C-alpha atoms as a PDB file:
ATOM      1  CA  MET A   1      -7.096 -13.474 -11.874  1.00  0.00           C
ATOM      2  CA  ILE A   2      -7.724 -14.432  -8.284  1.00  0.00           C
ATOM      3  CA  MET A   3      -6.406 -12.049  -5.642  1.00  0.00           C
ATOM      4  CA  ASN A   4      -3.901 -13.747  -3.411  1.00  0.00           C
ATOM      5  CA  ILE A   5      -4.056 -13.300   0.325  1.00  0.00           C
ATOM      6  CA  ASP A   6      -0.366 -12.362   0.112  1.00  0.00           C
ATOM      7  CA  VAL A   7      -1.291  -8.861  -1.028  1.00  0.00           C
ATOM      8  CA  ILE A   8      -3.392  -8.310   2.096  1.00  0.00           C
ATOM      9  CA  PHE A   9      -0.551  -9.557   4.290  1.00  0.00           C
ATOM     10  CA  LYS A  10       1.946  -7.283   2.502  1.00  0.00           C
ATOM     11  CA  ILE A  11      -0.270  -4.244   3.041  1.00  0.00           C
ATOM     12  CA  ALA A  12      -0.832  -5.182   6.692  1.00  0.00           C
ATOM     13  CA  GLY A  13       2.904  -5.740   7.191  1.00  0.00           C
ATOM     14  CA  ILE A  14       3.734  -2.367   5.696  1.00  0.00           C
ATOM     15  CA  GLY A  15       1.139  -0.776   7.968  1.00  0.00           C
ATOM     16  CA  ILE A  16       2.590  -2.408  11.071  1.00  0.00           C
ATOM     17  CA  VAL A  17       6.175  -1.451  10.194  1.00  0.00           C
ATOM     18  CA  ILE A  18       5.187   2.140   9.408  1.00  0.00           C
ATOM     19  CA  THR A  19       3.230   2.407  12.663  1.00  0.00           C
ATOM     20  CA  VAL A  20       6.161   1.149  14.739  1.00  0.00           C
ATOM     21  CA  LEU A  21       8.624   3.460  12.979  1.00  0.00           C
ATOM     22  CA  ASN A  22       6.212   6.357  13.388  1.00  0.00           C
ATOM     23  CA  GLN A  23       5.874   5.792  17.138  1.00  0.00           C
ATOM     24  CA  VAL A  24       9.630   5.383  17.630  1.00  0.00           C
ATOM     25  CA  LEU A  25      10.368   8.592  15.746  1.00  0.00           C
ATOM     26  CA  ILE A  26       7.684  10.540  17.619  1.00  0.00           C
ATOM     27  CA  LYS A  27       9.072   9.351  20.976  1.00  0.00           C
ATOM     28  CA  ALA A  28      12.546  10.431  19.828  1.00  0.00           C
ATOM     29  CA  GLY A  29      11.213  13.905  19.059  1.00  0.00           C
ATOM     30  CA  ARG A  30      11.544  13.594  15.301  1.00  0.00           C
ATOM     31  CA  ASP A  31       8.019  14.483  14.274  1.00  0.00           C
ATOM     32  CA  GLU A  32       8.953  15.614  10.763  1.00  0.00           C
ATOM     33  CA  GLN A  33      10.649  12.320   9.939  1.00  0.00           C
ATOM     34  CA  ALA A  34       7.691  10.421  11.401  1.00  0.00           C
ATOM     35  CA  THR A  35       5.322  12.305   9.122  1.00  0.00           C
ATOM     36  CA  PHE A  36       7.583  11.663   6.135  1.00  0.00           C
ATOM     37  CA  ILE A  37       7.742   7.919   6.895  1.00  0.00           C
ATOM     38  CA  THR A  38       3.953   7.811   7.168  1.00  0.00           C
ATOM     39  CA  LEU A  39       3.568   9.545   3.809  1.00  0.00           C
ATOM     40  CA  VAL A  40       6.040   7.146   2.195  1.00  0.00           C
ATOM     41  CA  GLY A  41       4.050   4.192   3.558  1.00  0.00           C
ATOM     42  CA  VAL A  42       0.809   5.615   2.197  1.00  0.00           C
ATOM     43  CA  VAL A  43       2.375   6.155  -1.238  1.00  0.00           C
ATOM     44  CA  VAL A  44       3.758   2.604  -1.332  1.00  0.00           C
ATOM     45  CA  VAL A  45       0.398   1.076  -0.400  1.00  0.00           C
ATOM     46  CA  LEU A  46      -1.489   3.293  -2.854  1.00  0.00           C
ATOM     47  CA  THR A  47       0.915   2.232  -5.609  1.00  0.00           C
ATOM     48  CA  MET A  48       0.176  -1.412  -4.824  1.00  0.00           C
ATOM     49  CA  VAL A  49      -3.578  -0.762  -4.856  1.00  0.00           C
ATOM     50  CA  VAL A  50      -3.416   1.179  -8.138  1.00  0.00           C
ATOM     51  CA  ASN A  51      -1.576  -1.742  -9.764  1.00  0.00           C
ATOM     52  CA  LEU A  52      -4.252  -4.148  -8.532  1.00  0.00           C
ATOM     53  CA  VAL A  53      -7.069  -1.935  -9.826  1.00  0.00           C
ATOM     54  CA  THR A  54      -5.302  -1.615 -13.179  1.00  0.00           C
ATOM     55  CA  ASN A  55      -5.079  -5.402 -13.415  1.00  0.00           C
ATOM     56  CA  LEU A  56      -8.766  -5.652 -12.513  1.00  0.00           C
ATOM     57  CA  PHE A  57      -9.781  -3.238 -15.265  1.00  0.00           C
ATOM     58  CA  ASP A  58      -7.590  -5.061 -17.787  1.00  0.00           C
ATOM     59  CA  THR A  59      -9.241  -8.340 -16.821  1.00  0.00           C
ATOM     60  CA  VAL A  60     -12.724  -6.842 -17.155  1.00  0.00           C
ATOM     61  CA  LYS A  61     -11.851  -5.371 -20.565  1.00  0.00           C
ATOM     62  CA  THR A  62     -10.547  -8.747 -21.724  1.00  0.00           C
ATOM     63  CA  MET A  63     -13.513 -10.649 -20.320  1.00  0.00           C
ATOM     64  CA  PHE A  64     -16.126  -8.454 -21.977  1.00  0.00           C
ATOM     65  CA  GLN A  65     -14.000  -7.820 -25.075  1.00  0.00           C
ATOM     66  CA  LEU A  66     -14.084  -4.065 -24.695  1.00  0.00           C
ATOM     67  CA  TYR A  67     -11.960  -1.878 -27.004  1.00  0.00           C
END
């Protein structure tokens, strides 16, 4: 499996959107919502990364015929 550049662009796009939303909410005085949005963005990106790592480990297991 070759990692597509699309994944990097998705993660970067999520980061940009979360940063803009965070700044807008902070300027509006809604610090709690800004923190919540940031945490949601981190969870979404971590979920994407965990799926990629899981696919990597599955590929390595298949390649070396482990288990």
